[in-house]
Amino acid sequence: MIGRQATPATGKVGNMERVILVYTTYPSIVEAEQAGRALVERRLCACVNILPGMISHYWWQGAVERGEEVVMIIKTRDSLCERVRAAVKEMHSYTTPAILVLPIESVDPAYLDWLMAETEPAAKG
């Protein structure tokens, strides 16, 4: 990047808050797309990436299970984290969905501007 450096995304930068990724999985592409679209339409995130074709091996109720799942990566602002978590749980068919929040160390300034413009500040909701 010429002329501008990536903006640290931890804490506030000026009046900008940090960016987070929320990682979750779904049992089907249909469910992931429905949930992802709803999150974007509600402006709880600027974007979701849906990655089909993941195989999971995991412990569930005392047995090792295998499942074909779909990964969703949700790109949002830190202040919307709890609303995103609640919306994922509300729309999810799993009893215990994986909801992992990943703080981002740095973000390209233009991408950060776009993400903040496309997400609703928590104070509005």
N, C-alpha and C. Protein backbone atom coordinates (compact mmCIF):
# COMPACT_ATOMS: atom_id res chain seq x y z
N MET A 1 0.85 -1.16 0.00
CA MET A 1 0.00 0.00 0.00
C MET A 1 0.90 1.23 0.00
N ILE A 2 0.75 2.09 -0.94
CA ILE A 2 1.58 3.27 -1.05
C ILE A 2 0.88 4.45 -0.39
N GLY A 3 1.61 5.16 0.48
CA GLY A 3 1.08 6.40 1.04
C GLY A 3 0.29 6.24 2.33
N ARG A 4 -0.34 5.08 2.57
CA ARG A 4 -1.12 4.87 3.79
C ARG A 4 -0.78 3.51 4.35
N GLN A 5 -0.71 3.42 5.64
CA GLN A 5 -0.44 2.14 6.27
C GLN A 5 -1.74 1.54 6.78
N ALA A 6 -1.71 0.25 6.96
CA ALA A 6 -2.88 -0.41 7.51
C ALA A 6 -3.18 0.16 8.89
N THR A 7 -4.45 0.31 9.18
CA THR A 7 -4.90 0.89 10.44
C THR A 7 -4.99 -0.19 11.50
N PRO A 8 -4.36 0.01 12.69
CA PRO A 8 -4.55 -0.97 13.75
C PRO A 8 -6.03 -1.06 14.08
N ALA A 9 -6.52 -2.26 14.28
CA ALA A 9 -7.95 -2.44 14.51
C ALA A 9 -8.25 -2.80 15.96
N THR A 10 -7.25 -2.75 16.82
CA THR A 10 -7.49 -3.05 18.22
C THR A 10 -7.81 -1.76 18.94
N GLY A 11 -8.90 -1.74 19.65
CA GLY A 11 -9.34 -0.51 20.31
C GLY A 11 -9.86 0.48 19.29
N LYS A 12 -9.99 1.69 19.71
CA LYS A 12 -10.48 2.75 18.81
C LYS A 12 -9.32 3.43 18.12
N VAL A 13 -9.50 3.77 16.86
CA VAL A 13 -8.53 4.54 16.10
C VAL A 13 -9.25 5.81 15.71
N GLY A 14 -8.86 6.92 16.33
CA GLY A 14 -9.64 8.13 16.13
C GLY A 14 -11.03 7.86 16.68
N ASN A 15 -12.04 8.04 15.86
CA ASN A 15 -13.41 7.72 16.30
C ASN A 15 -13.88 6.39 15.72
N MET A 16 -12.95 5.62 15.12
CA MET A 16 -13.30 4.32 14.55
C MET A 16 -13.10 3.22 15.59
N GLU A 17 -13.99 2.26 15.62
CA GLU A 17 -13.82 1.14 16.52
C GLU A 17 -13.18 -0.03 15.77
N ARG A 18 -12.84 -1.06 16.49
CA ARG A 18 -12.12 -2.16 15.86
C ARG A 18 -13.06 -3.08 15.08
N VAL A 19 -12.45 -3.79 14.18
CA VAL A 19 -13.14 -4.78 13.35
C VAL A 19 -12.96 -6.15 13.99
N ILE A 20 -14.01 -6.97 13.92
CA ILE A 20 -13.92 -8.36 14.37
C ILE A 20 -14.44 -9.27 13.27
N LEU A 21 -14.00 -10.50 13.31
CA LEU A 21 -14.58 -11.56 12.49
C LEU A 21 -15.28 -12.52 13.44
N VAL A 22 -16.45 -12.96 13.06
CA VAL A 22 -17.17 -13.96 13.83
C VAL A 22 -17.21 -15.21 12.96
N TYR A 23 -16.65 -16.29 13.49
CA TYR A 23 -16.58 -17.57 12.79
C TYR A 23 -17.69 -18.46 13.32
N THR A 24 -18.45 -19.06 12.42
CA THR A 24 -19.47 -20.02 12.82
C THR A 24 -19.63 -21.05 11.72
N THR A 25 -20.34 -22.12 12.01
CA THR A 25 -20.59 -23.16 11.01
C THR A 25 -22.08 -23.48 10.97
N TYR A 26 -22.51 -23.98 9.82
CA TYR A 26 -23.91 -24.36 9.61
C TYR A 26 -23.97 -25.76 9.00
N PRO A 27 -25.10 -26.45 9.18
CA PRO A 27 -25.23 -27.79 8.63
C PRO A 27 -25.50 -27.82 7.12
N SER A 28 -25.92 -26.68 6.55
CA SER A 28 -26.23 -26.67 5.11
C SER A 28 -25.98 -25.29 4.51
N ILE A 29 -25.75 -25.29 3.22
CA ILE A 29 -25.56 -24.03 2.49
C ILE A 29 -26.84 -23.20 2.53
N VAL A 30 -27.98 -23.85 2.49
CA VAL A 30 -29.26 -23.13 2.52
C VAL A 30 -29.41 -22.36 3.82
N GLU A 31 -29.17 -23.02 4.94
CA GLU A 31 -29.29 -22.35 6.24
C GLU A 31 -28.25 -21.24 6.38
N ALA A 32 -27.03 -21.49 5.94
CA ALA A 32 -25.98 -20.47 6.01
C ALA A 32 -26.34 -19.25 5.17
N GLU A 33 -26.84 -19.46 3.97
CA GLU A 33 -27.20 -18.32 3.12
C GLU A 33 -28.37 -17.53 3.69
N GLN A 34 -29.35 -18.22 4.25
CA GLN A 34 -30.49 -17.51 4.85
C GLN A 34 -30.03 -16.65 6.03
N ALA A 35 -29.21 -17.24 6.90
CA ALA A 35 -28.72 -16.50 8.06
C ALA A 35 -27.79 -15.36 7.63
N GLY A 36 -26.90 -15.64 6.69
CA GLY A 36 -25.96 -14.62 6.23
C GLY A 36 -26.65 -13.43 5.61
N ARG A 37 -27.62 -13.70 4.77
CA ARG A 37 -28.36 -12.60 4.14
C ARG A 37 -29.10 -11.77 5.19
N ALA A 38 -29.70 -12.44 6.16
CA ALA A 38 -30.42 -11.72 7.22
C ALA A 38 -29.47 -10.83 8.03
N LEU A 39 -28.28 -11.32 8.33
CA LEU A 39 -27.30 -10.52 9.06
C LEU A 39 -26.91 -9.27 8.28
N VAL A 40 -26.67 -9.44 6.98
CA VAL A 40 -26.30 -8.30 6.13
C VAL A 40 -27.47 -7.33 6.01
N GLU A 41 -28.67 -7.85 5.76
CA GLU A 41 -29.84 -6.98 5.61
C GLU A 41 -30.12 -6.17 6.88
N ARG A 42 -29.86 -6.76 8.04
CA ARG A 42 -30.06 -6.06 9.32
C ARG A 42 -28.91 -5.09 9.62
N ARG A 43 -27.91 -5.06 8.74
CA ARG A 43 -26.71 -4.23 8.92
C ARG A 43 -25.95 -4.58 10.19
N LEU A 44 -26.06 -5.83 10.60
CA LEU A 44 -25.26 -6.32 11.72
C LEU A 44 -23.84 -6.64 11.28
N CYS A 45 -23.64 -6.72 9.98
CA CYS A 45 -22.30 -6.96 9.42
C CYS A 45 -22.27 -6.35 8.03
N ALA A 46 -21.06 -6.12 7.56
CA ALA A 46 -20.91 -5.57 6.21
C ALA A 46 -20.88 -6.68 5.17
N CYS A 47 -20.46 -7.88 5.59
CA CYS A 47 -20.25 -8.96 4.63
C CYS A 47 -20.21 -10.28 5.39
N VAL A 48 -20.66 -11.33 4.73
CA VAL A 48 -20.41 -12.69 5.21
C VAL A 48 -19.75 -13.47 4.08
N ASN A 49 -18.81 -14.30 4.44
CA ASN A 49 -18.22 -15.25 3.49
C ASN A 49 -18.75 -16.62 3.87
N ILE A 50 -19.29 -17.34 2.90
CA ILE A 50 -19.85 -18.67 3.12
C ILE A 50 -19.00 -19.66 2.34
N LEU A 51 -18.43 -20.61 3.07
CA LEU A 51 -17.48 -21.56 2.50
C LEU A 51 -18.01 -22.99 2.67
N PRO A 52 -18.63 -23.54 1.64
CA PRO A 52 -19.18 -24.89 1.75
C PRO A 52 -18.08 -25.95 1.67
N GLY A 53 -18.44 -27.17 2.04
CA GLY A 53 -17.55 -28.30 1.82
C GLY A 53 -16.59 -28.61 2.96
N MET A 54 -16.84 -28.12 4.17
CA MET A 54 -15.96 -28.41 5.29
C MET A 54 -16.39 -29.72 5.94
N ILE A 55 -15.41 -30.51 6.35
CA ILE A 55 -15.67 -31.74 7.10
C ILE A 55 -15.21 -31.49 8.54
N SER A 56 -16.07 -31.80 9.49
CA SER A 56 -15.73 -31.65 10.91
C SER A 56 -15.75 -33.01 11.59
N HIS A 57 -14.82 -33.20 12.49
CA HIS A 57 -14.81 -34.33 13.42
C HIS A 57 -14.82 -33.72 14.80
N TYR A 58 -15.74 -34.15 15.67
CA TYR A 58 -15.90 -33.49 16.96
C TYR A 58 -16.58 -34.42 17.95
N TRP A 59 -16.39 -34.11 19.22
CA TRP A 59 -17.10 -34.82 20.29
C TRP A 59 -18.48 -34.22 20.44
N TRP A 60 -19.50 -35.07 20.52
CA TRP A 60 -20.85 -34.61 20.81
C TRP A 60 -21.59 -35.70 21.57
N GLN A 61 -22.03 -35.38 22.76
CA GLN A 61 -22.78 -36.28 23.62
C GLN A 61 -22.09 -37.62 23.80
N GLY A 62 -20.77 -37.56 24.08
CA GLY A 62 -20.01 -38.75 24.42
C GLY A 62 -19.47 -39.57 23.26
N ALA A 63 -19.67 -39.11 22.04
CA ALA A 63 -19.19 -39.87 20.87
C ALA A 63 -18.49 -38.93 19.89
N VAL A 64 -17.54 -39.50 19.16
CA VAL A 64 -16.90 -38.73 18.10
C VAL A 64 -17.81 -38.76 16.88
N GLU A 65 -18.13 -37.59 16.39
CA GLU A 65 -19.03 -37.45 15.25
C GLU A 65 -18.27 -36.91 14.05
N ARG A 66 -18.82 -37.13 12.87
CA ARG A 66 -18.32 -36.54 11.63
C ARG A 66 -19.48 -35.81 10.98
N GLY A 67 -19.21 -34.59 10.51
CA GLY A 67 -20.28 -33.85 9.85
C GLY A 67 -19.75 -33.04 8.69
N GLU A 68 -20.59 -32.90 7.69
CA GLU A 68 -20.29 -31.99 6.58
C GLU A 68 -20.96 -30.67 6.92
N GLU A 69 -20.16 -29.62 6.95
CA GLU A 69 -20.67 -28.33 7.38
C GLU A 69 -20.27 -27.24 6.40
N VAL A 70 -20.80 -26.06 6.67
CA VAL A 70 -20.52 -24.85 5.90
C VAL A 70 -19.97 -23.82 6.87
N VAL A 71 -18.82 -23.24 6.54
CA VAL A 71 -18.23 -22.20 7.37
C VAL A 71 -18.81 -20.85 6.97
N MET A 72 -19.09 -20.01 7.97
CA MET A 72 -19.46 -18.62 7.70
C MET A 72 -18.51 -17.73 8.49
N ILE A 73 -17.95 -16.74 7.81
CA ILE A 73 -17.13 -15.73 8.44
C ILE A 73 -17.88 -14.41 8.32
N ILE A 74 -18.18 -13.81 9.45
CA ILE A 74 -18.98 -12.60 9.52
C ILE A 74 -18.05 -11.43 9.82
N LYS A 75 -18.08 -10.39 8.97
CA LYS A 75 -17.21 -9.23 9.14
C LYS A 75 -18.03 -8.08 9.69
N THR A 76 -17.65 -7.61 10.90
CA THR A 76 -18.45 -6.59 11.57
C THR A 76 -17.59 -5.72 12.47
N ARG A 77 -18.24 -4.82 13.17
CA ARG A 77 -17.57 -3.94 14.14
C ARG A 77 -17.77 -4.52 15.54
N ASP A 78 -16.82 -4.22 16.42
CA ASP A 78 -16.82 -4.77 17.77
C ASP A 78 -18.11 -4.47 18.54
N SER A 79 -18.66 -3.28 18.40
CA SER A 79 -19.85 -2.90 19.17
C SER A 79 -21.09 -3.71 18.79
N LEU A 80 -21.05 -4.39 17.66
CA LEU A 80 -22.20 -5.22 17.24
C LEU A 80 -22.03 -6.69 17.61
N CYS A 81 -20.94 -7.01 18.28
CA CYS A 81 -20.62 -8.41 18.58
C CYS A 81 -21.77 -9.15 19.27
N GLU A 82 -22.30 -8.59 20.33
CA GLU A 82 -23.35 -9.30 21.08
C GLU A 82 -24.64 -9.43 20.27
N ARG A 83 -24.96 -8.43 19.48
CA ARG A 83 -26.15 -8.53 18.62
C ARG A 83 -25.96 -9.58 17.53
N VAL A 84 -24.75 -9.67 16.98
CA VAL A 84 -24.46 -10.71 15.99
C VAL A 84 -24.56 -12.08 16.64
N ARG A 85 -23.96 -12.23 17.81
CA ARG A 85 -24.01 -13.51 18.53
C ARG A 85 -25.47 -13.93 18.77
N ALA A 86 -26.29 -13.00 19.23
CA ALA A 86 -27.70 -13.30 19.51
C ALA A 86 -28.44 -13.67 18.24
N ALA A 87 -28.19 -12.96 17.15
CA ALA A 87 -28.86 -13.24 15.88
C ALA A 87 -28.45 -14.61 15.33
N VAL A 88 -27.18 -14.95 15.43
CA VAL A 88 -26.72 -16.27 14.97
C VAL A 88 -27.43 -17.35 15.77
N LYS A 89 -27.46 -17.22 17.09
CA LYS A 89 -28.14 -18.22 17.93
C LYS A 89 -29.62 -18.32 17.59
N GLU A 90 -30.26 -17.18 17.38
CA GLU A 90 -31.70 -17.13 17.08
C GLU A 90 -32.02 -17.87 15.78
N MET A 91 -31.16 -17.73 14.78
CA MET A 91 -31.45 -18.31 13.46
C MET A 91 -30.82 -19.69 13.25
N HIS A 92 -30.11 -20.20 14.23
CA HIS A 92 -29.31 -21.42 14.05
C HIS A 92 -30.09 -22.67 14.43
N SER A 93 -29.89 -23.75 13.70
CA SER A 93 -30.56 -25.01 14.03
C SER A 93 -29.78 -25.84 15.05
N TYR A 94 -28.50 -25.53 15.25
CA TYR A 94 -27.71 -26.28 16.24
C TYR A 94 -28.07 -25.85 17.66
N THR A 95 -28.06 -26.79 18.58
CA THR A 95 -28.26 -26.49 19.99
C THR A 95 -27.11 -25.64 20.53
N THR A 96 -25.89 -25.99 20.11
CA THR A 96 -24.69 -25.30 20.57
C THR A 96 -23.85 -24.90 19.36
N PRO A 97 -24.22 -23.82 18.68
CA PRO A 97 -23.43 -23.42 17.51
C PRO A 97 -22.06 -22.88 17.92
N ALA A 98 -21.08 -23.11 17.07
CA ALA A 98 -19.76 -22.50 17.26
C ALA A 98 -19.89 -21.03 16.92
N ILE A 99 -19.56 -20.17 17.87
CA ILE A 99 -19.55 -18.73 17.63
C ILE A 99 -18.24 -18.23 18.22
N LEU A 100 -17.26 -18.02 17.35
CA LEU A 100 -15.92 -17.63 17.79
C LEU A 100 -15.65 -16.21 17.29
N VAL A 101 -15.29 -15.32 18.20
CA VAL A 101 -15.03 -13.93 17.86
C VAL A 101 -13.52 -13.72 17.78
N LEU A 102 -13.08 -13.23 16.61
CA LEU A 102 -11.66 -13.04 16.36
C LEU A 102 -11.36 -11.57 16.17
N PRO A 103 -10.55 -10.97 17.07
CA PRO A 103 -10.18 -9.56 16.88
C PRO A 103 -9.18 -9.47 15.72
N ILE A 104 -9.24 -8.38 14.99
CA ILE A 104 -8.37 -8.17 13.83
C ILE A 104 -7.27 -7.19 14.22
N GLU A 105 -6.04 -7.55 13.88
CA GLU A 105 -4.89 -6.74 14.25
C GLU A 105 -4.76 -5.48 13.41
N SER A 106 -5.00 -5.58 12.11
CA SER A 106 -4.95 -4.38 11.27
C SER A 106 -5.88 -4.55 10.08
N VAL A 107 -6.29 -3.43 9.53
CA VAL A 107 -7.25 -3.40 8.43
C VAL A 107 -6.82 -2.31 7.44
N ASP A 108 -6.94 -2.59 6.18
CA ASP A 108 -6.70 -1.57 5.17
C ASP A 108 -7.67 -0.41 5.42
N PRO A 109 -7.18 0.83 5.41
CA PRO A 109 -8.05 1.97 5.73
C PRO A 109 -9.30 2.08 4.86
N ALA A 110 -9.19 1.83 3.58
CA ALA A 110 -10.36 1.93 2.70
C ALA A 110 -11.39 0.84 3.04
N TYR A 111 -10.91 -0.36 3.35
CA TYR A 111 -11.81 -1.44 3.73
C TYR A 111 -12.49 -1.13 5.07
N LEU A 112 -11.72 -0.58 6.01
CA LEU A 112 -12.28 -0.19 7.30
C LEU A 112 -13.37 0.85 7.12
N ASP A 113 -13.13 1.85 6.30
CA ASP A 113 -14.14 2.88 6.03
C ASP A 113 -15.42 2.26 5.48
N TRP A 114 -15.26 1.34 4.52
CA TRP A 114 -16.42 0.67 3.91
C TRP A 114 -17.19 -0.13 4.96
N LEU A 115 -16.46 -0.93 5.77
CA LEU A 115 -17.12 -1.78 6.76
C LEU A 115 -17.89 -0.93 7.76
N MET A 116 -17.30 0.15 8.22
CA MET A 116 -17.98 1.01 9.20
C MET A 116 -19.21 1.70 8.57
N ALA A 117 -19.10 2.10 7.32
CA ALA A 117 -20.23 2.75 6.65
C ALA A 117 -21.39 1.79 6.43
N GLU A 118 -21.11 0.51 6.27
CA GLU A 118 -22.15 -0.47 5.94
C GLU A 118 -22.74 -1.19 7.14
N THR A 119 -22.23 -0.91 8.32
CA THR A 119 -22.77 -1.55 9.52
C THR A 119 -23.42 -0.50 10.40
N GLU A 120 -24.41 -0.93 11.11
CA GLU A 120 -25.17 -0.02 11.97
C GLU A 120 -24.44 0.15 13.30
N PRO A 121 -24.16 1.35 13.72
CA PRO A 121 -23.57 1.53 15.06
C PRO A 121 -24.52 0.97 16.10
N ALA A 122 -23.97 0.35 17.11
CA ALA A 122 -24.77 -0.30 18.15
C ALA A 122 -25.76 0.66 18.81
N ALA A 123 -25.42 1.93 18.89
CA ALA A 123 -26.29 2.91 19.54
C ALA A 123 -27.62 3.09 18.82
N LYS A 124 -27.66 2.80 17.51
CA LYS A 124 -28.91 2.97 16.75
C LYS A 124 -29.92 1.87 17.03
N GLY A 125 -29.45 0.69 17.43
CA GLY A 125 -30.34 -0.44 17.54
C GLY A 125 -30.83 -0.64 18.89
